[in-house]
Structures are given as C-alpha cells and as structure tokens.
Amino acid sequence: MPAFELFIGLRYTRAKRRNHFISFISLISMAGIALGVAALIVVLSVMNGFQDELRSRILGVAAHIQITGSDNTLTDWRRVAAEASRHPEVTAAAPYIMAQNMLTYDSAVQGAIVRGIVPELESGVAQFSSHMKQGQLADLRAGEFGIVLGSELARALGARVGDKVVVMAPQGQVTPAGVVPRLKQFTVKGIFEVGMYEYDYGLALINMDDAARLYRMGDRVSGVRLALKDLYRAPQVAHDLLDMVHGDVYISDWTRQHANFFRAIQIEKNVMFIILLLIVAVAAFNIVSTLVMAVTDKQADIAILRTLGASPASIMKIFIVQGALIGTIGMVIGVAGGVALALNIDVVVPAIERLFGIHFMAKDVYYISELPSKLEVTDVVYIASVSFILTLLATLYPSYRASKTNPAEALRYE
C-alpha cells in the first residue's frame, strides 16, 4: 500500500471532525468490539476451565482405559496387566471387580455399584486417596470386609464411619425356602467425595479379595483399569493395545465412556461462541455507518484527491485503513481486557461477590463453588482473527462507495 494512502487514512482517523457525531459513533464501535472480544475470551476461558475441572473429577474416578473380557470377566488379569504395561504410555494398571448391589442400613435401602479394588494398586489409576473426607483407602484390608462409601450414598443411608452396612449381592443362593440373595455385612471404613453426583451417590469400594468371596469370582476379575501419561492419547493407546494384549478382550477408553457428556460441553461452547460473536459483528458493522458518514463528510477531500491523480482503488484503501484502525484498536483493547480478566477471574469474582453481598455458585447447590478459568492461546488468536476479518468486511461497502465519488459532482457546491 502506497505511503500516502496509509498517511491520509491515519490522518482522517486522528483528525477532529466538524461532525462530532461521527467521532461518537467511532468510539461506540471501538467500545462494542472491545466488549465483545473481551466477553468471548472470558466466557471461552471459563468454559475451558469447567471442561478441565469436570474431566479431572471424572477421570479421578474413571480409568483412562479399561480392559474387560468378552463375558465381562478376565481369568488372567496379571498377564493382561503385564502386557498392557509394556506400552510406554501406560503408567499404572489395577484390577477390579464390579457389580450392582443393594445397600441397607437401619431402614434405608439404596442401590449402588460396588467396586472391589486392590488399594495399593488403585491409587495409581484413580485419585480416591485425595478425595477421602474420612478414613483412608488403605483401611480396606482383605478379610476385614470394610467398605468406603461416596458422601451422598452415606448421607442417603444415614451411615457413618464404624457403622455396619449390609450388602445384598445380585447372585442368589438356593435354600430350602427358595432362591434368596446373598447378604454380607460390611463395616464403613471411610467416606469419599469426588464432587460428581454420579459417583458420590452411586459408588462404594471394597477390597477385591472380599468382592471375590462375595460374588464367588474365584481368581477372575471384571477387568483391568489403566492410567496413561497423556490422557488425550487414550484412543490411540487403546488401538495399540489391541495388538499387544492377547486373548478375547474388549478395550475402551474414557472418550468413549463419556463421549456424550464431553460432546455436549463442546456443543455448548460452540453455541456460546456464535452468540457472543454477534456482539462483535454488531459492533463491527457500526463501522459501516461511521465510514458512510465519514465519506459524506469528506466528499470535497475525495474530489480533490481524485483531481490530483488518486485512483479509485487508492480512495478505497484510504477508508479501509480508517475502518480497520478503528476495529484494530477495539480488538486490541478487548484482547488485553479479556486476557487480564480471564487470568484474574479467581480474584475479580470474589471481589464482586463481597461488594454486592451475593454468591454466584453456592457450595450447598453446586459441587464447583468457584469459577474455574483456563486461557487458551489458540482461542485468543482465533477470536482476534475473526474480529479483524469482520472489521475488514465492514469497511468494504463504504470504501467502495467513496471510490465511486464523482469529483465534478462533489465540487459543484463547494
């Protein structure tokens, strides 16, 4: 772009106008773009934070990869765990026995999934130890028939540490009176709280040896759970394990088990991006009205430039520079403000709550009581790029209109 076109475009932007309304509309356009860009960055950062927080809570209990047999049992789990552990991405492996059960205490009855685990191995694939409210996972010793309950499950049963809970196994036993469910009394050794209702209300843990005796599994287990160095590589690792693990096994990863949940979050994020982008679009197209009025205000200047030899393309570039500068200033302010707010949302939100005496996410209602935020550089670059493109598109019509100005007509009444 020739220097004189850039010079004149910048000069028009800085110059004081006879029509102050044009300057006011320019400021409104900048403010609108800045507000829209900042809102987009903050909202997407908060949604990224929520997504990561929920993923960490889910994967704190669910395995990255799960290996089961064709009939939902494995007869030689040690071999399967050893073969899977040869993969460089696998950091830990732990067997488990799992079944649906009814738990009773006093007069309360609740259905739950009871998972038999090896406590020392389970700590490698799940984060129960860091979520224990009472007791320890190591208290689940073989032969003692101890049980660890989710916090909501314990509350529903009214059970506390030290109480005796009866577990009714789904497999029945034949008696002279007919087939009746097997009952076993377990002592509550601890209570965990992951922060996900699905697990806090519907999961209980016992020692795997006790589970094998209760469900008459013998040396069989339900499957093997794996932890990975990089959880995002789970689909690829699961595919690799199909060739590494021998036997008739089924391998699934966390992206399959919770696909609908995370897909819903991603769809919500995309919809929010489109909705908030409309703010930027409205502000960007305010530039159209700004430049149309500026073109009308500068009719005489355009005519003089044309008579001095400026081409229509040069006139068009002058006003593109003017509109692009308005949009760029708004975009830069928005990016700076949005990044600053996204990085300090853990300070800003509590300050607003104290100032107005409100609480956005009460602890007694939401498991996540603070707004998490994760700023992604790619999101910032994408938002800034889209905003700049919208700004350039908004400058095309007014600039084209300016390039079509007839010098004779414009100077007739000057």
Protein backbone atom coordinates (compact mmCIF):
# COMPACT_ATOMS: atom_id res chain seq x y z
CA MET A 1 0.00 0.00 0.00
CA PRO A 2 1.48 3.41 -1.00
CA ALA A 3 2.61 5.57 1.90
CA PHE A 4 0.27 8.45 1.06
CA GLU A 5 -2.84 6.22 1.34
CA LEU A 6 -1.77 4.95 4.74
CA PHE A 7 -0.85 8.51 5.81
CA ILE A 8 -4.18 10.01 4.78
CA GLY A 9 -6.17 7.11 6.31
CA LEU A 10 -4.41 7.56 9.65
CA ARG A 11 -4.80 11.34 9.44
CA TYR A 12 -8.57 11.03 8.87
CA THR A 13 -8.81 8.80 11.93
CA ARG A 14 -6.92 11.26 14.18
CA ALA A 15 -8.37 14.48 12.81
CA LYS A 16 -11.07 16.40 14.69
CA ARG A 17 -14.25 16.30 12.68
CA ARG A 18 -16.75 19.02 12.14
CA ASN A 19 -19.43 16.42 12.75
CA HIS A 20 -18.82 15.22 16.33
CA PHE A 21 -21.48 12.56 15.89
CA ILE A 22 -19.09 10.63 13.60
CA SER A 23 -16.45 10.59 16.35
CA PHE A 24 -19.05 9.42 18.86
CA ILE A 25 -20.12 6.53 16.60
CA SER A 26 -16.45 5.61 16.10
CA LEU A 27 -15.95 5.40 19.88
CA ILE A 28 -19.10 3.33 20.25
CA SER A 29 -17.83 0.96 17.56
CA MET A 30 -14.47 0.58 19.31
CA ALA A 31 -16.15 0.01 22.68
CA GLY A 32 -18.54 -2.56 21.19
CA ILE A 33 -15.75 -4.54 19.56
CA ALA A 34 -13.65 -4.38 22.75
CA LEU A 35 -16.58 -5.55 24.88
CA GLY A 36 -17.46 -8.39 22.51
CA VAL A 37 -13.87 -9.62 22.19
CA ALA A 38 -13.33 -9.46 25.98
CA ALA A 39 -16.60 -11.29 26.65
CA LEU A 40 -15.68 -14.01 24.16
CA ILE A 41 -12.25 -14.56 25.71
CA VAL A 42 -13.59 -14.66 29.28
CA VAL A 43 -16.55 -16.95 28.52
CA LEU A 44 -14.48 -19.42 26.49
CA SER A 45 -11.80 -19.43 29.21
CA VAL A 46 -14.40 -20.19 31.88
CA MET A 47 -15.91 -22.96 29.76
CA ASN A 48 -12.42 -24.39 29.20
CA GLY A 49 -11.94 -24.29 32.96
CA PHE A 50 -15.24 -26.07 33.58
CA GLN A 51 -14.39 -28.69 30.99
CA ASP A 52 -10.99 -29.37 32.55
CA GLU A 53 -12.44 -29.39 36.08
CA LEU A 54 -15.15 -31.88 35.16
CA ARG A 55 -12.69 -34.00 33.19
CA SER A 56 -10.30 -34.15 36.14
CA ARG A 57 -13.13 -35.09 38.52
CA ILE A 58 -14.49 -37.78 36.23
CA LEU A 59 -11.06 -39.21 35.46
CA GLY A 60 -10.18 -39.05 39.13
CA VAL A 61 -12.54 -41.99 39.48
CA ALA A 62 -12.89 -43.46 35.98
CA ALA A 63 -9.89 -45.06 34.30
CA HIS A 64 -8.22 -43.68 31.19
CA ILE A 65 -8.50 -47.15 29.60
CA GLN A 66 -10.48 -50.19 30.70
CA ILE A 67 -9.86 -53.79 29.59
CA THR A 68 -12.56 -56.41 30.10
CA GLY A 69 -13.24 -59.89 28.78
CA SER A 70 -15.90 -60.87 26.28
CA ASP A 71 -18.14 -62.09 29.13
CA ASN A 72 -17.23 -59.11 31.38
CA THR A 73 -14.64 -61.18 33.25
CA LEU A 74 -10.89 -61.81 32.96
CA THR A 75 -9.38 -65.08 34.07
CA ASP A 76 -5.73 -64.00 33.99
CA TRP A 77 -5.64 -60.32 34.87
CA ARG A 78 -1.96 -60.34 35.85
CA ARG A 79 -0.93 -61.36 32.33
CA VAL A 80 -3.24 -58.75 30.80
CA ALA A 81 -1.89 -56.03 33.12
CA ALA A 82 1.72 -57.03 32.34
CA GLU A 83 1.13 -56.97 28.57
CA ALA A 84 -0.65 -53.61 28.72
CA SER A 85 2.05 -52.11 30.95
CA ARG A 86 4.63 -52.69 28.21
CA HIS A 87 3.13 -49.77 26.31
CA PRO A 88 5.28 -46.67 27.02
CA GLU A 89 2.21 -44.51 27.67
CA VAL A 90 0.79 -46.78 30.41
CA THR A 91 1.88 -45.69 33.89
CA ALA A 92 -0.23 -47.97 36.12
CA ALA A 93 -2.63 -50.91 35.98
CA ALA A 94 -5.12 -52.13 38.58
CA PRO A 95 -7.67 -54.97 38.57
CA TYR A 96 -11.26 -54.52 39.74
CA ILE A 97 -14.44 -56.45 40.38
CA MET A 98 -17.66 -54.55 39.88
CA ALA A 99 -21.35 -55.37 40.37
CA GLN A 100 -24.69 -53.72 41.04
CA ASN A 101 -25.86 -54.15 44.63
CA MET A 102 -28.41 -53.04 47.19
CA LEU A 103 -27.02 -51.49 50.37
CA THR A 104 -29.08 -51.29 53.53
CA TYR A 105 -28.51 -49.59 56.86
CA ASP A 106 -31.15 -49.38 59.53
CA SER A 107 -34.35 -48.81 57.48
CA ALA A 108 -32.67 -47.13 54.48
CA VAL A 109 -32.10 -49.01 51.21
CA GLN A 110 -30.04 -47.69 48.28
CA GLY A 111 -28.82 -49.18 45.02
CA ALA A 112 -25.15 -48.65 44.17
CA ILE A 113 -22.22 -50.01 42.20
CA VAL A 114 -19.79 -51.84 44.47
CA ARG A 115 -16.26 -51.95 43.13
CA GLY A 116 -13.71 -54.37 44.51
CA ILE A 117 -10.19 -52.90 44.35
CA VAL A 118 -6.61 -53.51 45.43
CA PRO A 119 -5.99 -50.30 47.44
CA GLU A 120 -2.25 -50.05 46.78
CA LEU A 121 -2.77 -50.51 43.01
CA GLU A 122 -5.94 -48.42 42.76
CA SER A 123 -4.08 -45.30 43.89
CA GLY A 124 -2.12 -45.48 40.65
CA VAL A 125 -5.18 -45.29 38.38
CA ALA A 126 -7.62 -43.21 40.46
CA GLN A 127 -7.43 -40.31 42.90
CA PHE A 128 -9.66 -41.61 45.69
CA SER A 129 -6.95 -41.03 48.29
CA SER A 130 -7.03 -37.27 47.68
CA HIS A 131 -10.85 -37.21 47.90
CA MET A 132 -11.23 -39.05 51.21
CA LYS A 133 -13.26 -37.00 53.71
CA GLN A 134 -12.97 -39.63 56.44
CA GLY A 135 -10.77 -42.69 56.76
CA GLN A 136 -8.22 -43.95 54.28
CA LEU A 137 -8.34 -46.21 51.25
CA ALA A 138 -5.64 -48.39 52.85
CA ASP A 139 -8.16 -49.34 55.58
CA LEU A 140 -9.78 -51.73 53.08
CA ARG A 141 -7.88 -54.84 54.17
CA ALA A 142 -8.60 -58.29 52.82
CA GLY A 143 -10.80 -60.42 55.12
CA GLU A 144 -12.00 -57.49 57.26
CA PHE A 145 -14.96 -56.72 54.97
CA GLY A 146 -14.62 -52.98 55.11
CA ILE A 147 -16.36 -50.58 52.74
CA VAL A 148 -15.80 -46.97 51.65
CA LEU A 149 -18.93 -45.04 50.66
CA GLY A 150 -19.49 -42.00 48.50
CA SER A 151 -20.56 -38.98 50.54
CA GLU A 152 -24.06 -38.75 49.04
CA LEU A 153 -24.56 -42.52 49.38
CA ALA A 154 -23.51 -42.38 53.03
CA ARG A 155 -25.88 -39.45 53.60
CA ALA A 156 -28.78 -41.30 51.92
CA LEU A 157 -28.15 -44.37 54.09
CA GLY A 158 -27.51 -42.31 57.20
CA ALA A 159 -24.31 -44.30 57.76
CA ARG A 160 -21.12 -43.06 59.39
CA VAL A 161 -17.61 -44.46 59.79
CA GLY A 162 -17.80 -47.52 62.03
CA ASP A 163 -21.41 -48.41 61.17
CA LYS A 164 -22.39 -51.80 59.77
CA VAL A 165 -23.86 -51.76 56.25
CA VAL A 166 -25.46 -54.83 54.69
CA VAL A 167 -24.61 -55.51 51.05
CA MET A 168 -27.03 -57.68 49.06
CA ALA A 169 -25.25 -59.43 46.19
CA PRO A 170 -27.20 -59.89 42.94
CA GLN A 171 -26.30 -63.58 42.70
CA GLY A 172 -28.80 -65.67 44.63
CA GLN A 173 -28.21 -68.79 46.70
CA VAL A 174 -30.50 -71.81 46.84
CA THR A 175 -32.08 -72.59 50.19
CA PRO A 176 -34.96 -74.83 51.27
CA ALA A 177 -37.10 -71.70 51.18
CA GLY A 178 -36.10 -70.96 47.58
CA VAL A 179 -33.57 -68.67 45.93
CA VAL A 180 -32.61 -65.75 48.15
CA PRO A 181 -29.96 -63.02 47.65
CA ARG A 182 -26.67 -63.37 49.46
CA LEU A 183 -26.18 -60.89 52.28
CA LYS A 184 -22.92 -59.73 53.81
CA GLN A 185 -22.28 -57.17 56.49
CA PHE A 186 -19.54 -54.59 55.85
CA THR A 187 -18.05 -52.04 58.21
CA VAL A 188 -17.84 -48.47 56.94
CA LYS A 189 -14.12 -47.61 56.91
CA GLY A 190 -14.25 -44.25 55.15
CA ILE A 191 -16.20 -41.74 53.07
CA PHE A 192 -15.01 -40.08 49.86
CA GLU A 193 -16.33 -37.05 47.98
CA VAL A 194 -15.25 -36.63 44.36
CA GLY A 195 -17.62 -33.77 43.57
CA MET A 196 -19.53 -35.68 40.89
CA TYR A 197 -23.02 -36.75 41.97
CA GLU A 198 -22.89 -39.87 39.78
CA TYR A 199 -20.01 -41.25 41.84
CA ASP A 200 -20.69 -39.73 45.25
CA TYR A 201 -24.22 -41.19 45.23
CA GLY A 202 -23.77 -44.43 43.34
CA LEU A 203 -20.34 -45.90 44.15
CA ALA A 204 -18.89 -47.89 47.05
CA LEU A 205 -15.44 -49.51 47.35
CA ILE A 206 -14.42 -52.77 48.99
CA ASN A 207 -11.27 -54.90 48.95
CA MET A 208 -11.02 -57.07 45.83
CA ASP A 209 -10.50 -60.28 47.84
CA ASP A 210 -13.69 -59.57 49.77
CA ALA A 211 -15.50 -58.87 46.48
CA ALA A 212 -14.25 -62.16 45.01
CA ARG A 213 -15.63 -64.06 48.01
CA LEU A 214 -18.93 -62.16 47.95
CA TYR A 215 -19.54 -62.65 44.24
CA ARG A 216 -17.85 -66.08 44.06
CA MET A 217 -15.44 -64.89 41.39
CA GLY A 218 -12.50 -67.08 42.43
CA ASP A 219 -9.40 -65.83 40.58
CA ARG A 220 -11.45 -63.97 37.99
CA VAL A 221 -11.92 -60.20 37.91
CA SER A 222 -14.23 -57.88 36.00
CA GLY A 223 -11.35 -56.16 34.23
CA VAL A 224 -8.16 -54.08 34.44
CA ARG A 225 -8.03 -50.29 34.62
CA LEU A 226 -5.09 -48.34 33.15
CA ALA A 227 -3.66 -44.88 33.73
CA LEU A 228 -1.75 -43.04 30.99
CA LYS A 229 0.91 -40.34 30.87
CA ASP A 230 -1.21 -38.32 28.44
CA LEU A 231 -4.95 -38.89 28.81
CA TYR A 232 -5.60 -37.25 25.42
CA ARG A 233 -3.78 -40.11 23.71
CA ALA A 234 -6.19 -42.68 25.14
CA PRO A 235 -7.88 -43.54 21.79
CA GLN A 236 -4.52 -44.18 20.10
CA VAL A 237 -3.18 -46.19 23.04
CA ALA A 238 -6.37 -48.28 23.15
CA HIS A 239 -5.90 -49.07 19.46
CA ASP A 240 -2.27 -50.06 20.06
CA LEU A 241 -3.23 -52.35 22.96
CA LEU A 242 -5.46 -54.41 20.68
CA ASP A 243 -2.27 -55.85 19.17
CA MET A 244 -0.33 -56.04 22.45
CA VAL A 245 -2.87 -57.75 24.69
CA HIS A 246 -3.59 -61.35 23.74
CA GLY A 247 -6.89 -63.10 24.25
CA ASP A 248 -10.54 -62.26 23.73
CA VAL A 249 -10.66 -58.83 25.37
CA TYR A 250 -12.62 -55.62 24.92
CA ILE A 251 -10.71 -52.33 25.31
CA SER A 252 -12.46 -49.00 25.81
CA ASP A 253 -11.13 -45.55 26.70
CA TRP A 254 -12.60 -42.60 28.59
CA THR A 255 -13.50 -40.72 25.40
CA ARG A 256 -15.96 -43.50 24.53
CA GLN A 257 -17.35 -43.96 28.01
CA HIS A 258 -18.12 -40.25 28.47
CA ALA A 259 -18.38 -39.20 24.82
CA ASN A 260 -21.90 -37.74 25.03
CA PHE A 261 -21.07 -35.69 28.11
CA PHE A 262 -17.99 -34.00 26.67
CA ARG A 263 -19.64 -33.65 23.26
CA ALA A 264 -22.47 -31.72 24.93
CA ILE A 265 -19.97 -29.39 26.60
CA GLN A 266 -18.21 -28.79 23.28
CA ILE A 267 -21.51 -28.04 21.51
CA GLU A 268 -22.43 -25.59 24.27
CA LYS A 269 -19.04 -23.91 23.90
CA ASN A 270 -19.51 -23.57 20.14
CA VAL A 271 -23.01 -22.12 20.55
CA MET A 272 -21.77 -19.60 23.10
CA PHE A 273 -19.01 -18.58 20.70
CA ILE A 274 -21.53 -17.94 17.92
CA ILE A 275 -23.90 -15.99 20.19
CA LEU A 276 -21.17 -13.77 21.62
CA LEU A 277 -19.63 -13.29 18.18
CA LEU A 278 -22.84 -11.50 17.24
CA ILE A 279 -21.83 -8.75 19.68
CA VAL A 280 -18.60 -8.30 17.77
CA ALA A 281 -20.47 -8.44 14.46
CA VAL A 282 -22.94 -5.71 15.51
CA ALA A 283 -20.09 -3.51 16.71
CA ALA A 284 -18.09 -4.18 13.55
CA PHE A 285 -20.96 -3.20 11.33
CA ASN A 286 -21.32 0.04 13.29
CA ILE A 287 -18.14 0.87 11.40
CA VAL A 288 -20.24 0.84 8.22
CA SER A 289 -22.35 3.76 9.45
CA THR A 290 -19.23 5.53 10.74
CA LEU A 291 -17.46 5.30 7.38
CA VAL A 292 -20.58 6.16 5.36
CA MET A 293 -20.91 9.40 7.33
CA ALA A 294 -17.15 9.98 7.04
CA VAL A 295 -17.33 9.54 3.26
CA THR A 296 -20.19 12.05 3.07
CA ASP A 297 -18.23 14.46 5.28
CA LYS A 298 -15.10 14.12 3.11
CA GLN A 299 -16.71 14.46 -0.32
CA ALA A 300 -14.70 17.57 -1.15
CA ASP A 301 -11.42 15.99 0.00
CA ILE A 302 -12.10 12.89 -2.09
CA ALA A 303 -12.84 15.03 -5.15
CA ILE A 304 -9.59 16.99 -4.71
CA LEU A 305 -7.57 13.79 -4.33
CA ARG A 306 -9.17 12.40 -7.46
CA THR A 307 -8.35 15.56 -9.48
CA LEU A 308 -4.75 15.31 -8.23
CA GLY A 309 -4.49 11.84 -9.74
CA ALA A 310 -5.55 9.46 -6.99
CA SER A 311 -7.17 6.34 -8.42
CA PRO A 312 -10.49 4.87 -7.15
CA ALA A 313 -8.51 1.98 -5.64
CA SER A 314 -6.39 4.48 -3.66
CA ILE A 315 -9.50 6.22 -2.31
CA MET A 316 -10.91 2.83 -1.31
CA LYS A 317 -7.69 1.91 0.54
CA ILE A 318 -7.74 5.21 2.47
CA PHE A 319 -11.12 4.41 4.05
CA ILE A 320 -10.24 0.76 4.56
CA VAL A 321 -7.27 1.97 6.63
CA GLN A 322 -9.54 4.24 8.65
CA GLY A 323 -12.12 1.49 9.37
CA ALA A 324 -9.51 -1.18 10.02
CA LEU A 325 -7.76 1.08 12.54
CA ILE A 326 -11.00 1.62 14.46
CA GLY A 327 -11.59 -2.13 14.57
CA THR A 328 -7.98 -2.96 15.45
CA ILE A 329 -7.92 -0.52 18.38
CA GLY A 330 -11.15 -2.02 19.72
CA MET A 331 -9.83 -5.54 19.20
CA VAL A 332 -6.53 -4.83 21.00
CA ILE A 333 -8.33 -3.25 23.95
CA GLY A 334 -10.73 -6.20 24.08
CA VAL A 335 -7.94 -8.79 23.93
CA ALA A 336 -5.98 -7.02 26.66
CA GLY A 337 -9.02 -6.67 28.90
CA GLY A 338 -10.29 -10.19 28.23
CA VAL A 339 -6.91 -11.83 28.90
CA ALA A 340 -6.43 -9.81 32.09
CA LEU A 341 -9.90 -10.74 33.36
CA ALA A 342 -9.60 -14.40 32.38
CA LEU A 343 -6.26 -14.71 34.21
CA ASN A 344 -7.61 -12.99 37.34
CA ILE A 345 -11.19 -14.25 37.44
CA ASP A 346 -10.48 -16.02 40.73
CA VAL A 347 -9.82 -12.57 42.24
CA VAL A 348 -12.41 -10.50 40.38
CA VAL A 349 -15.44 -12.74 41.03
CA PRO A 350 -14.93 -12.99 44.83
CA ALA A 351 -14.45 -9.21 44.94
CA ILE A 352 -17.79 -8.69 43.12
CA GLU A 353 -19.47 -11.19 45.46
CA ARG A 354 -18.19 -9.34 48.54
CA LEU A 355 -19.12 -5.94 47.08
CA PHE A 356 -22.74 -6.86 46.30
CA GLY A 357 -23.24 -9.49 49.00
CA ILE A 358 -24.12 -12.28 46.55
CA HIS A 359 -22.71 -15.70 45.74
CA PHE A 360 -22.83 -16.89 42.15
CA MET A 361 -22.18 -20.57 42.89
CA ALA A 362 -23.27 -21.57 46.39
CA LYS A 363 -21.44 -24.55 47.88
CA ASP A 364 -24.70 -26.13 49.06
CA VAL A 365 -26.05 -26.14 45.48
CA TYR A 366 -23.04 -26.60 43.19
CA TYR A 367 -20.14 -29.01 43.58
CA ILE A 368 -17.89 -26.47 41.84
CA SER A 369 -18.19 -23.39 44.06
CA GLU A 370 -15.61 -21.26 42.24
CA LEU A 371 -15.44 -20.19 38.60
CA PRO A 372 -12.51 -22.07 37.01
CA SER A 373 -10.69 -20.43 34.12
CA LYS A 374 -8.23 -21.78 31.58
CA LEU A 375 -6.96 -19.33 28.98
CA GLU A 376 -6.11 -20.97 25.65
CA VAL A 377 -3.78 -19.03 23.35
CA THR A 378 -5.46 -20.59 20.31
CA ASP A 379 -8.83 -19.21 21.45
CA VAL A 380 -7.39 -15.69 21.78
CA VAL A 381 -5.77 -15.86 18.33
CA TYR A 382 -8.95 -17.22 16.76
CA ILE A 383 -11.17 -14.57 18.36
CA ALA A 384 -8.81 -11.74 17.37
CA SER A 385 -8.57 -13.03 13.79
CA VAL A 386 -12.33 -13.38 13.35
CA SER A 387 -12.89 -9.92 14.82
CA PHE A 388 -10.34 -8.37 12.47
CA ILE A 389 -11.89 -10.11 9.44
CA LEU A 390 -15.36 -8.84 10.42
CA THR A 391 -13.92 -5.34 10.70
CA LEU A 392 -12.36 -5.51 7.24
CA LEU A 393 -15.61 -6.80 5.75
CA ALA A 394 -17.46 -3.88 7.33
CA THR A 395 -15.15 -1.37 5.60
CA LEU A 396 -15.67 -2.67 2.05
CA TYR A 397 -19.03 -1.08 1.17
CA PRO A 398 -18.28 2.46 2.47
CA SER A 399 -14.81 2.36 0.88
CA TYR A 400 -16.25 1.22 -2.44
CA ARG A 401 -18.85 4.00 -2.25
CA ALA A 402 -16.07 6.55 -1.63
CA SER A 403 -14.11 5.26 -4.63
CA LYS A 404 -17.11 5.92 -6.88
CA THR A 405 -17.38 9.60 -5.92
CA ASN A 406 -17.63 11.89 -8.98
CA PRO A 407 -15.20 14.83 -8.49
CA ALA A 408 -17.34 17.25 -10.56
CA GLU A 409 -20.49 16.48 -8.60
CA ALA A 410 -18.69 16.67 -5.25
CA LEU A 411 -17.12 20.08 -6.01
CA ARG A 412 -20.21 21.66 -7.63
CA TYR A 413 -21.47 23.29 -4.44
CA GLU A 414 -18.10 23.88 -2.74
